[in-house]
Amino acid sequence: MKQSRLILIFTTLKTSSLALKPFKLQQKFLRNLAFLLGLNLLVKPFWILGITVMVQNAVGPTEFGTYFSLLNFGYLFFIILDAGLNNYTNKQVAQDNYFVKNHFVTISGVKLLLGIIYLAVLMILGIWVMKYPSHYLDLLWIIALNLFLSSALMFLRSNLAGLHLFKWDSVASVLDRILMIVICGALLWSEPNEAGFSIFHFAWAQTIAYALTIVYAVMVMAGKTVKIKWTIKKGLLKKVVRQSYPFALLTLLMSFYTRIDSVMIERLLPNGTTEAGIYAQGYKVYEAANMFAFLFATLLLPVFSKLIANRESVRPIVDWTVRLLLIPAVIISIWSWFYGGELIDLLYKAELEKTASIFPVLMIAFIAMAANYIYGTLLTAQGKMKLLNLLSLAGIVVNVILNWFLIHSYGALGAAWATAFTQSGVAISQFVAANKFNDLRIHKKDLLKSLGLIIFMAGLIYLEKQTQIPKYAGVFAIPVLTITGAFLLKLIRLKDLFNLLKYRA
């Protein structure tokens, strides 16, 4: 549920006050940040590339395409569930622990009301606007329930993080996925041929996992916080909306131009659900790669905020992050063009050729997303919300127009190209804006090294094509050797990551 966490990244500017806490708190935070990153890198790739892929293979592209398009339809209106409450809570609890005691019940009541409104809006739109058939609606309300539970869990996690209960929050960040791995794994492996497993099993497994994780978070809060006052504070929602609406608007706009593709595929094509399922197969690998870039954004926002507040240069952090994030993204993208088909063959059972054509195009979008996480986060830290919202609005217009024409002509592949063009356009615009507002420089030495690394990788690919080495040995050796070359050229340095973590603490 990566998209549901975007609000927490883009609306916690003032929570960087942790950097001003005593040294012991900084050290504690650094240790627990490493714990959080380790858990996420251990669990979530296995969830995305393991269990989710198994589910896609079990139910087939058509059934999963229905789920995927409905899920993204639900994400388009996810902002109704939050209205800035999660991020407001995160900031306030970090500044005042008694905020939980005084306002938890009020915000919880508002969250429940927003959840009811969200469910009603989604079902009304599904029935009267989208005109979904009954079996779509049966799945849609479960998805809506899951998105509400996801938002509720994020609210509870914002309280845990604000109270500096970092390890407990880290566990909560992956517990739902661990539970889904166990539940879905048991259901899938209990059937010899995966027969009898439907997309409804997958949806209900998510419901159970979210509910149990929410119980865990509530129990932690009950044992770690002061006694809660069961009173309602009127006027709180208005205050929250007033303070956070620019960030909420950004999240809403980003949701549209990153999530509307599968909805349009399902609506515009006669075999839309199947095409959406094929798109989802290519999208899953892109999502797994994007998860790594997303973790960098969670590190960068408080770092940039701290440097800007202290009137220090952000250039070193940008340079480190470009090397740590963009160079691997380019390597992975190039590899995907030549060997994506082999990876798709390993993962999936149906529609392999179409999926293999979509996947490398989406990996172009991955490079753009990685850049967005750097330069978009920098602009967010500088408070350039109007600019970011205008760029996102332009992204929606371009994406919808491109999807309309390209999906009609090329199906799911057209949607992948629309995503790549839109994300690249937004990334270039954010890069130009970031350079305008900051003294950033492109180092010629690093550019020459990067060009040399690409030539080295091209040589490895050529040699692999000309020799008789085992197919998959060569395929997976190339990115390893290229990354090793990046380390030898000092384009990627672990020291840069350690420096970034120190700034974050």
Protein backbone atom coordinates (compact mmCIF):
# COMPACT_ATOMS: atom_id res chain seq x y z
CA MET A 1 0.00 0.00 0.00
CA LYS A 2 2.77 2.30 -0.90
CA GLN A 3 0.53 5.07 -2.27
CA SER A 4 -1.33 5.30 1.04
CA ARG A 5 1.94 6.30 2.71
CA LEU A 6 2.73 9.21 0.41
CA ILE A 7 0.85 11.66 2.62
CA LEU A 8 3.07 10.73 5.59
CA ILE A 9 6.16 11.58 3.56
CA PHE A 10 5.01 14.87 2.07
CA THR A 11 3.36 16.34 5.18
CA THR A 12 5.75 15.83 8.09
CA LEU A 13 8.08 18.77 7.55
CA LYS A 14 8.12 19.90 11.17
CA THR A 15 8.71 16.46 12.64
CA SER A 16 12.41 16.84 11.94
CA SER A 17 12.62 18.28 15.46
CA LEU A 18 13.91 14.84 16.44
CA ALA A 19 17.29 16.01 15.19
CA LEU A 20 17.33 18.54 18.02
CA LYS A 21 16.77 15.93 20.75
CA PRO A 22 19.57 14.73 23.03
CA PHE A 23 22.30 12.50 21.66
CA LYS A 24 20.83 9.33 23.17
CA LEU A 25 17.55 9.87 21.35
CA GLN A 26 19.46 10.45 18.10
CA GLN A 27 21.36 7.19 18.55
CA LYS A 28 18.15 5.35 19.43
CA PHE A 29 16.44 6.78 16.38
CA LEU A 30 19.33 5.79 14.09
CA ARG A 31 19.32 2.20 15.37
CA ASN A 32 15.58 1.89 14.94
CA LEU A 33 15.66 3.50 11.50
CA ALA A 34 18.10 0.80 10.44
CA PHE A 35 15.76 -1.77 11.99
CA LEU A 36 12.82 -0.31 10.03
CA LEU A 37 14.71 -0.35 6.73
CA GLY A 38 15.97 -3.88 7.35
CA LEU A 39 12.47 -5.21 8.08
CA ASN A 40 10.98 -3.55 5.02
CA LEU A 41 13.73 -4.76 2.69
CA LEU A 42 13.39 -8.28 4.09
CA VAL A 43 9.61 -8.65 4.07
CA LYS A 44 8.13 -6.46 1.35
CA PRO A 45 10.11 -7.72 -1.68
CA PHE A 46 9.13 -11.28 -0.71
CA TRP A 47 5.51 -10.15 -0.40
CA ILE A 48 5.45 -8.41 -3.78
CA LEU A 49 7.56 -10.83 -5.83
CA GLY A 50 6.60 -13.95 -3.91
CA ILE A 51 3.07 -14.13 -2.58
CA THR A 52 1.49 -11.51 -4.85
CA VAL A 53 2.97 -13.16 -7.93
CA MET A 54 1.69 -16.52 -6.75
CA VAL A 55 -1.77 -15.01 -6.36
CA GLN A 56 -1.61 -13.55 -9.87
CA ASN A 57 -0.63 -16.93 -11.27
CA ALA A 58 -3.36 -18.68 -9.30
CA VAL A 59 -6.27 -16.46 -10.33
CA GLY A 60 -5.03 -15.49 -13.80
CA PRO A 61 -4.68 -12.10 -15.52
CA THR A 62 -8.42 -11.52 -16.00
CA GLU A 63 -9.46 -12.00 -12.38
CA PHE A 64 -6.44 -10.17 -10.99
CA GLY A 65 -6.98 -7.41 -13.55
CA THR A 66 -10.44 -6.84 -12.09
CA TYR A 67 -8.95 -6.54 -8.61
CA PHE A 68 -6.10 -4.31 -9.79
CA SER A 69 -8.35 -1.83 -11.61
CA LEU A 70 -10.80 -1.65 -8.67
CA LEU A 71 -7.95 -1.17 -6.20
CA ASN A 72 -6.59 1.75 -8.19
CA PHE A 73 -10.10 3.16 -8.56
CA GLY A 74 -10.29 3.13 -4.75
CA TYR A 75 -6.91 4.88 -4.48
CA LEU A 76 -8.14 7.76 -6.63
CA PHE A 77 -10.34 8.88 -3.73
CA PHE A 78 -8.13 7.72 -0.86
CA ILE A 79 -7.68 11.30 0.33
CA ILE A 80 -11.27 11.21 1.66
CA LEU A 81 -10.09 8.72 4.27
CA ASP A 82 -7.40 11.00 5.62
CA ALA A 83 -7.98 14.74 5.03
CA GLY A 84 -4.54 15.32 6.56
CA LEU A 85 -5.37 13.72 9.92
CA ASN A 86 -2.52 11.18 9.94
CA ASN A 87 0.17 13.75 9.32
CA TYR A 88 -1.32 16.30 11.68
CA THR A 89 -1.28 13.61 14.37
CA ASN A 90 2.31 12.64 13.61
CA LYS A 91 3.50 16.22 14.02
CA GLN A 92 1.44 17.03 17.11
CA VAL A 93 2.28 13.83 19.00
CA ALA A 94 5.98 14.37 18.31
CA GLN A 95 5.70 17.79 19.96
CA ASP A 96 3.33 16.86 22.79
CA ASN A 97 2.80 13.32 24.10
CA TYR A 98 -0.41 14.40 25.83
CA PHE A 99 -1.93 15.08 22.40
CA VAL A 100 -2.86 11.36 22.30
CA LYS A 101 -4.68 11.67 25.62
CA ASN A 102 -6.63 14.75 24.62
CA HIS A 103 -7.42 14.18 20.95
CA PHE A 104 -7.17 10.47 20.12
CA VAL A 105 -10.91 9.83 20.51
CA THR A 106 -11.82 12.93 18.50
CA ILE A 107 -9.59 12.01 15.57
CA SER A 108 -10.62 8.35 15.74
CA GLY A 109 -14.28 9.38 15.51
CA VAL A 110 -13.54 11.64 12.55
CA LYS A 111 -11.59 8.81 10.87
CA LEU A 112 -14.56 6.49 11.27
CA LEU A 113 -16.92 9.10 9.82
CA LEU A 114 -14.58 9.68 6.88
CA GLY A 115 -14.44 5.90 6.34
CA ILE A 116 -18.24 5.72 6.09
CA ILE A 117 -18.28 8.67 3.67
CA TYR A 118 -15.50 7.07 1.61
CA LEU A 119 -17.32 3.75 1.34
CA ALA A 120 -20.54 5.52 0.33
CA VAL A 121 -18.79 7.70 -2.28
CA LEU A 122 -16.94 4.75 -3.77
CA MET A 123 -20.04 2.56 -4.05
CA ILE A 124 -22.16 5.40 -5.50
CA LEU A 125 -19.51 6.15 -8.12
CA GLY A 126 -19.10 2.45 -8.83
CA ILE A 127 -22.84 1.94 -9.38
CA TRP A 128 -23.93 5.18 -11.07
CA VAL A 129 -20.80 6.51 -12.79
CA MET A 130 -18.64 3.49 -13.59
CA LYS A 131 -21.67 1.18 -13.88
CA TYR A 132 -19.75 -1.78 -12.51
CA PRO A 133 -21.53 -5.16 -12.65
CA SER A 134 -22.59 -6.85 -9.41
CA HIS A 135 -19.53 -9.10 -9.06
CA TYR A 136 -17.28 -6.01 -9.38
CA LEU A 137 -19.26 -4.28 -6.63
CA ASP A 138 -18.96 -7.34 -4.39
CA LEU A 139 -15.18 -7.00 -4.64
CA LEU A 140 -15.15 -3.20 -4.56
CA TRP A 141 -16.66 -2.87 -1.09
CA ILE A 142 -14.09 -5.32 0.35
CA ILE A 143 -11.31 -3.28 -1.28
CA ALA A 144 -12.84 -0.09 0.13
CA LEU A 145 -12.93 -1.69 3.59
CA ASN A 146 -9.27 -2.70 3.24
CA LEU A 147 -8.26 0.81 2.22
CA PHE A 148 -10.11 2.20 5.24
CA LEU A 149 -8.31 -0.29 7.51
CA SER A 150 -5.01 0.68 5.86
CA SER A 151 -5.70 4.35 6.61
CA ALA A 152 -6.64 3.51 10.20
CA LEU A 153 -3.40 1.58 10.60
CA MET A 154 -1.43 4.55 9.26
CA PHE A 155 -3.17 6.77 11.82
CA LEU A 156 -2.17 4.42 14.64
CA ARG A 157 1.37 4.21 13.29
CA SER A 158 1.57 8.01 13.22
CA ASN A 159 0.82 7.93 16.96
CA LEU A 160 3.48 5.28 17.58
CA ALA A 161 6.09 7.22 15.61
CA GLY A 162 5.15 10.50 17.29
CA LEU A 163 5.58 8.86 20.69
CA HIS A 164 9.08 7.68 19.61
CA LEU A 165 8.02 4.02 19.82
CA PHE A 166 10.12 3.32 16.76
CA LYS A 167 10.63 -0.42 17.11
CA TRP A 168 6.93 -1.01 17.70
CA ASP A 169 6.14 1.14 14.68
CA SER A 170 8.68 -0.79 12.61
CA VAL A 171 6.96 -4.05 13.47
CA ALA A 172 3.58 -2.53 12.58
CA SER A 173 4.98 -1.43 9.20
CA VAL A 174 5.48 -5.04 8.11
CA LEU A 175 3.17 -7.09 10.36
CA ASP A 176 0.23 -6.86 7.94
CA ARG A 177 2.44 -8.17 5.13
CA ILE A 178 3.80 -10.98 7.29
CA LEU A 179 0.27 -12.03 8.19
CA MET A 180 -0.80 -11.93 4.54
CA ILE A 181 2.23 -14.02 3.59
CA VAL A 182 1.19 -16.63 6.16
CA ILE A 183 -2.53 -16.60 5.27
CA CYS A 184 -2.15 -16.48 1.49
CA GLY A 185 0.72 -18.94 1.58
CA ALA A 186 -1.36 -21.42 3.57
CA LEU A 187 -4.33 -21.03 1.23
CA LEU A 188 -2.23 -21.37 -1.93
CA TRP A 189 -0.12 -24.28 -0.78
CA SER A 190 -3.13 -26.16 0.58
CA GLU A 191 -4.35 -26.60 -3.02
CA PRO A 192 -2.08 -28.81 -5.14
CA ASN A 193 -2.89 -26.93 -8.35
CA GLU A 194 -3.90 -23.62 -6.73
CA ALA A 195 -7.46 -24.59 -7.66
CA GLY A 196 -10.26 -23.07 -5.64
CA PHE A 197 -8.24 -19.96 -4.76
CA SER A 198 -10.04 -16.80 -5.88
CA ILE A 199 -9.33 -13.10 -5.71
CA PHE A 200 -11.86 -12.89 -2.88
CA HIS A 201 -9.59 -15.12 -0.76
CA PHE A 202 -6.80 -12.59 -1.38
CA ALA A 203 -9.00 -9.60 -0.52
CA TRP A 204 -10.34 -11.17 2.69
CA ALA A 205 -6.81 -12.19 3.71
CA GLN A 206 -5.87 -8.52 3.55
CA THR A 207 -8.87 -7.63 5.71
CA ILE A 208 -7.84 -10.12 8.39
CA ALA A 209 -4.18 -9.01 8.26
CA TYR A 210 -5.03 -5.32 8.58
CA ALA A 211 -7.49 -5.97 11.41
CA LEU A 212 -4.97 -8.03 13.42
CA THR A 213 -2.25 -5.42 12.88
CA ILE A 214 -4.61 -2.70 14.08
CA VAL A 215 -5.30 -4.78 17.21
CA TYR A 216 -1.52 -5.02 17.74
CA ALA A 217 -1.06 -1.24 17.37
CA VAL A 218 -3.94 -0.49 19.77
CA MET A 219 -2.51 -2.89 22.35
CA VAL A 220 0.91 -1.24 22.10
CA MET A 221 -0.63 2.20 22.54
CA ALA A 222 -2.71 0.99 25.50
CA GLY A 223 0.42 -0.26 27.23
CA LYS A 224 2.70 2.65 26.38
CA THR A 225 0.63 5.84 26.55
CA VAL A 226 -1.24 7.86 29.12
CA LYS A 227 -4.91 7.25 29.81
CA ILE A 228 -7.09 8.54 26.99
CA LYS A 229 -9.85 11.09 27.59
CA TRP A 230 -13.12 9.96 26.03
CA THR A 231 -14.21 13.41 24.91
CA ILE A 232 -14.89 14.97 21.52
CA LYS A 233 -13.08 18.19 20.53
CA LYS A 234 -15.17 20.20 18.09
CA GLY A 235 -13.52 22.15 15.34
CA LEU A 236 -10.40 19.96 15.18
CA LEU A 237 -11.07 18.73 11.63
CA LYS A 238 -11.33 22.29 10.30
CA LYS A 239 -8.00 23.14 11.88
CA VAL A 240 -6.37 20.03 10.42
CA VAL A 241 -7.69 20.65 6.90
CA ARG A 242 -6.59 24.28 7.00
CA GLN A 243 -3.02 23.32 7.93
CA SER A 244 -2.57 20.32 5.65
CA TYR A 245 -4.72 20.83 2.57
CA PRO A 246 -1.79 21.74 0.21
CA PHE A 247 -0.12 18.43 1.05
CA ALA A 248 -3.39 16.51 0.84
CA LEU A 249 -4.08 18.10 -2.55
CA LEU A 250 -0.63 17.03 -3.78
CA THR A 251 -1.32 13.46 -2.70
CA LEU A 252 -4.71 13.51 -4.43
CA LEU A 253 -3.25 14.79 -7.70
CA MET A 254 -0.37 12.32 -7.59
CA SER A 255 -2.84 9.50 -6.97
CA PHE A 256 -4.67 10.36 -10.16
CA TYR A 257 -1.75 10.42 -12.54
CA THR A 258 -0.09 7.34 -10.99
CA ARG A 259 -3.20 5.19 -10.50
CA ILE A 260 -5.66 6.02 -13.26
CA ASP A 261 -3.92 3.91 -15.93
CA SER A 262 -5.36 0.53 -14.92
CA VAL A 263 -8.82 2.06 -14.43
CA MET A 264 -8.72 3.42 -17.98
CA ILE A 265 -7.43 0.11 -19.36
CA GLU A 266 -10.38 -1.73 -17.83
CA ARG A 267 -12.89 0.87 -19.08
CA LEU A 268 -11.57 1.54 -22.60
CA LEU A 269 -10.85 -1.96 -23.92
CA PRO A 270 -13.30 -4.78 -24.73
CA ASN A 271 -10.99 -7.23 -22.90
CA GLY A 272 -10.08 -4.58 -20.35
CA THR A 273 -9.86 -6.80 -17.28
CA THR A 274 -7.42 -9.17 -18.99
CA GLU A 275 -5.29 -6.27 -20.26
CA ALA A 276 -5.33 -4.72 -16.78
CA GLY A 277 -4.14 -8.05 -15.38
CA ILE A 278 -1.30 -8.17 -17.91
CA TYR A 279 -0.38 -4.61 -16.97
CA ALA A 280 -0.44 -5.60 -13.29
CA GLN A 281 2.08 -8.39 -13.96
CA GLY A 282 4.60 -5.95 -15.39
CA TYR A 283 3.70 -3.40 -12.72
CA LYS A 284 4.55 -5.69 -9.80
CA VAL A 285 8.27 -5.79 -10.57
CA TYR A 286 8.22 -2.02 -11.11
CA GLU A 287 6.47 -1.68 -7.74
CA ALA A 288 9.10 -3.80 -6.00
CA ALA A 289 11.89 -1.62 -7.41
CA ASN A 290 9.96 1.52 -6.55
CA MET A 291 9.66 0.41 -2.93
CA PHE A 292 13.44 0.81 -2.53
CA ALA A 293 13.35 4.34 -3.95
CA PHE A 294 10.39 5.17 -1.69
CA LEU A 295 12.45 4.35 1.41
CA PHE A 296 14.96 7.00 0.35
CA ALA A 297 12.22 9.62 0.27
CA THR A 298 11.38 8.82 3.89
CA LEU A 299 15.02 9.54 4.74
CA LEU A 300 15.38 12.67 2.63
CA LEU A 301 12.49 14.86 3.76
CA PRO A 302 13.64 15.50 7.36
CA VAL A 303 17.26 15.78 6.18
CA PHE A 304 16.40 18.46 3.63
CA SER A 305 14.11 20.20 6.14
CA LYS A 306 16.87 20.34 8.72
CA LEU A 307 19.47 21.70 6.28
CA ILE A 308 17.09 24.34 4.92
CA ALA A 309 16.13 25.46 8.45
CA ASN A 310 19.83 25.80 9.33
CA ARG A 311 20.56 27.61 6.01
CA GLU A 312 23.01 24.87 4.99
CA SER A 313 23.65 23.63 1.45
CA VAL A 314 21.60 20.65 0.28
CA ARG A 315 24.02 19.94 -2.56
CA PRO A 316 26.04 17.17 -0.79
CA ILE A 317 22.85 15.26 0.09
CA VAL A 318 21.53 15.58 -3.46
CA ASP A 319 24.87 14.38 -4.87
CA TRP A 320 24.95 11.36 -2.55
CA THR A 321 21.35 10.41 -3.29
CA VAL A 322 21.74 10.76 -7.06
CA ARG A 323 24.62 8.29 -6.92
CA LEU A 324 22.91 5.93 -4.49
CA LEU A 325 19.53 5.92 -6.21
CA LEU A 326 19.64 7.07 -9.82
CA ILE A 327 22.67 5.08 -10.93
CA PRO A 328 21.22 1.72 -9.76
CA ALA A 329 17.89 2.74 -11.31
CA VAL A 330 19.55 3.31 -14.69
CA ILE A 331 21.41 -0.02 -14.44
CA ILE A 332 18.21 -1.90 -13.62
CA SER A 333 16.33 -0.16 -16.42
CA ILE A 334 18.96 -1.03 -19.05
CA TRP A 335 19.06 -4.62 -17.80
CA SER A 336 15.26 -4.81 -18.08
CA TRP A 337 15.34 -3.91 -21.79
CA PHE A 338 17.60 -6.85 -22.60
CA TYR A 339 16.66 -9.45 -19.98
CA GLY A 340 13.23 -8.51 -18.65
CA GLY A 341 11.71 -11.41 -20.56
CA GLU A 342 13.81 -13.92 -18.63
CA LEU A 343 12.62 -12.46 -15.32
CA ILE A 344 8.99 -12.50 -16.45
CA ASP A 345 9.39 -16.16 -17.52
CA LEU A 346 10.57 -17.00 -14.01
CA LEU A 347 7.72 -15.21 -12.28
CA TYR A 348 4.56 -15.73 -14.32
CA LYS A 349 2.63 -18.42 -16.18
CA ALA A 350 0.31 -16.54 -18.56
CA GLU A 351 0.60 -13.74 -21.15
CA LEU A 352 4.39 -13.80 -20.91
CA GLU A 353 5.15 -12.06 -24.20
CA LYS A 354 2.86 -9.10 -23.54
CA THR A 355 4.06 -8.76 -19.95
CA ALA A 356 7.68 -8.84 -21.11
CA SER A 357 7.00 -5.94 -23.49
CA ILE A 358 5.36 -3.84 -20.75
CA PHE A 359 7.90 -4.38 -17.99
CA PRO A 360 10.94 -2.57 -19.52
CA VAL A 361 8.79 0.44 -20.44
CA LEU A 362 7.64 0.74 -16.83
CA MET A 363 11.26 0.57 -15.72
CA ILE A 364 11.87 3.82 -17.64
CA ALA A 365 9.20 5.27 -15.38
CA PHE A 366 11.17 3.85 -12.43
CA ILE A 367 14.15 6.08 -13.29
CA ALA A 368 11.78 9.07 -13.36
CA MET A 369 10.17 8.08 -10.05
CA ALA A 370 13.61 7.78 -8.44
CA ALA A 371 14.38 11.32 -9.61
CA ASN A 372 11.00 12.52 -8.33
CA TYR A 373 11.79 11.13 -4.89
CA ILE A 374 14.95 13.25 -4.82
CA TYR A 375 13.94 16.55 -6.40
CA GLY A 376 10.24 16.43 -5.48
CA THR A 377 11.15 15.80 -1.85
CA LEU A 378 13.60 18.72 -1.93
CA LEU A 379 10.92 21.04 -3.31
CA THR A 380 8.48 19.79 -0.66
CA ALA A 381 10.98 20.55 2.10
CA GLN A 382 11.29 24.07 0.69
CA GLY A 383 7.53 24.54 0.80
CA LYS A 384 7.05 24.80 -2.98
CA MET A 385 3.63 23.19 -2.72
CA LYS A 386 1.91 25.40 -5.30
CA LEU A 387 4.52 24.49 -7.89
CA LEU A 388 4.32 20.78 -7.07
CA ASN A 389 0.54 20.83 -7.25
CA LEU A 390 0.63 22.58 -10.64
CA LEU A 391 3.13 20.02 -11.95
CA SER A 392 0.95 17.19 -10.67
CA LEU A 393 -2.14 18.75 -12.28
CA ALA A 394 -0.26 18.96 -15.56
CA GLY A 395 0.76 15.33 -15.05
CA ILE A 396 -2.90 14.32 -14.77
CA VAL A 397 -3.88 16.13 -17.97
CA VAL A 398 -0.97 14.67 -19.95
CA ASN A 399 -1.45 11.18 -18.52
CA VAL A 400 -5.18 11.02 -19.24
CA ILE A 401 -4.72 12.30 -22.82
CA LEU A 402 -1.87 9.88 -23.52
CA ASN A 403 -3.75 6.97 -21.96
CA TRP A 404 -6.85 7.76 -24.02
CA PHE A 405 -5.01 7.56 -27.34
CA LEU A 406 -2.34 4.96 -26.54
CA ILE A 407 -4.61 2.45 -24.78
CA HIS A 408 -7.00 2.43 -27.73
CA SER A 409 -4.08 1.71 -30.08
CA TYR A 410 -1.71 -0.45 -28.04
CA GLY A 411 -3.66 -1.74 -25.04
CA ALA A 412 -1.77 -2.17 -21.77
CA LEU A 413 1.54 -1.41 -23.51
CA GLY A 414 0.14 2.01 -24.41
CA ALA A 415 -0.64 2.67 -20.73
CA ALA A 416 2.95 1.75 -19.84
CA TRP A 417 4.27 4.29 -22.35
CA ALA A 418 1.84 6.90 -21.01
CA THR A 419 3.21 6.27 -17.51
CA ALA A 420 6.82 6.51 -18.72
CA PHE A 421 6.20 9.80 -20.59
CA THR A 422 4.23 11.36 -17.74
CA GLN A 423 6.66 10.40 -14.98
CA SER A 424 9.62 11.53 -17.10
CA GLY A 425 7.98 14.89 -17.82
CA VAL A 426 7.25 15.49 -14.14
CA ALA A 427 10.77 14.39 -13.18
CA ILE A 428 12.42 16.76 -15.68
CA SER A 429 10.21 19.63 -14.49
CA GLN A 430 11.07 18.97 -10.85
CA PHE A 431 14.77 18.71 -11.70
CA VAL A 432 14.68 22.09 -13.49
CA ALA A 433 12.76 23.69 -10.60
CA ALA A 434 15.09 22.23 -7.97
CA ASN A 435 18.10 23.59 -9.83
CA LYS A 436 16.44 26.99 -10.08
CA PHE A 437 15.86 27.26 -6.33
CA ASN A 438 19.10 25.60 -5.22
CA ASP A 439 22.77 25.80 -6.07
CA LEU A 440 22.95 22.31 -7.55
CA ARG A 441 25.61 21.26 -9.99
CA ILE A 442 26.11 18.39 -12.42
CA HIS A 443 29.64 17.07 -12.01
CA LYS A 444 31.34 16.37 -15.34
CA LYS A 445 33.59 13.80 -13.71
CA ASP A 446 30.61 11.79 -12.48
CA LEU A 447 28.94 12.10 -15.89
CA LEU A 448 32.02 10.68 -17.61
CA LYS A 449 32.22 7.85 -15.08
CA SER A 450 28.52 7.09 -15.58
CA LEU A 451 28.98 7.01 -19.36
CA GLY A 452 31.92 4.66 -18.90
CA LEU A 453 29.82 2.42 -16.66
CA ILE A 454 27.06 2.24 -19.29
CA ILE A 455 29.63 1.33 -21.98
CA PHE A 456 31.02 -1.34 -19.64
CA MET A 457 27.53 -2.76 -19.12
CA ALA A 458 26.88 -2.71 -22.88
CA GLY A 459 30.09 -4.67 -23.38
CA LEU A 460 29.01 -7.27 -20.83
CA ILE A 461 25.64 -7.63 -22.59
CA TYR A 462 27.38 -8.04 -25.96
CA LEU A 463 29.72 -10.71 -24.57
CA GLU A 464 26.81 -12.59 -23.01
CA LYS A 465 24.99 -12.62 -26.34
CA GLN A 466 28.08 -13.91 -28.17
CA THR A 467 29.20 -16.61 -25.75
CA GLN A 468 27.78 -19.96 -24.70
CA ILE A 469 27.70 -19.37 -20.94
CA PRO A 470 24.60 -20.68 -19.12
CA LYS A 471 21.69 -18.36 -19.92
CA TYR A 472 20.56 -17.30 -16.44
CA ALA A 473 24.11 -17.22 -15.06
CA GLY A 474 25.00 -14.49 -17.53
CA VAL A 475 21.70 -12.69 -17.16
CA PHE A 476 22.02 -12.23 -13.41
CA ALA A 477 25.80 -11.78 -13.39
CA ILE A 478 25.61 -8.63 -15.53
CA PRO A 479 23.86 -6.34 -12.98
CA VAL A 480 26.13 -7.66 -10.22
CA LEU A 481 29.27 -6.93 -12.25
CA THR A 482 27.94 -3.52 -13.27
CA ILE A 483 27.14 -2.54 -9.68
CA THR A 484 30.63 -3.75 -8.71
CA GLY A 485 32.01 -1.46 -11.42
CA ALA A 486 30.03 1.42 -9.95
CA PHE A 487 31.66 0.80 -6.57
CA LEU A 488 35.14 0.59 -8.13
CA LEU A 489 34.55 3.88 -9.93
CA LYS A 490 33.29 5.33 -6.62
CA LEU A 491 30.01 6.30 -8.21
CA ILE A 492 28.27 4.34 -5.45
CA ARG A 493 29.77 4.50 -1.96
CA LEU A 494 28.44 3.00 1.24
CA LYS A 495 29.92 6.01 3.01
CA ASP A 496 27.29 8.17 1.31
CA LEU A 497 24.50 6.04 2.78
CA PHE A 498 26.03 6.19 6.27
CA ASN A 499 26.36 9.97 5.96
CA LEU A 500 22.72 10.23 4.91
CA LEU A 501 21.61 8.15 7.90
CA LYS A 502 23.65 10.34 10.23
CA TYR A 503 21.96 13.46 8.89
CA ARG A 504 18.58 11.73 9.32
CA ALA A 505 19.33 11.01 12.97
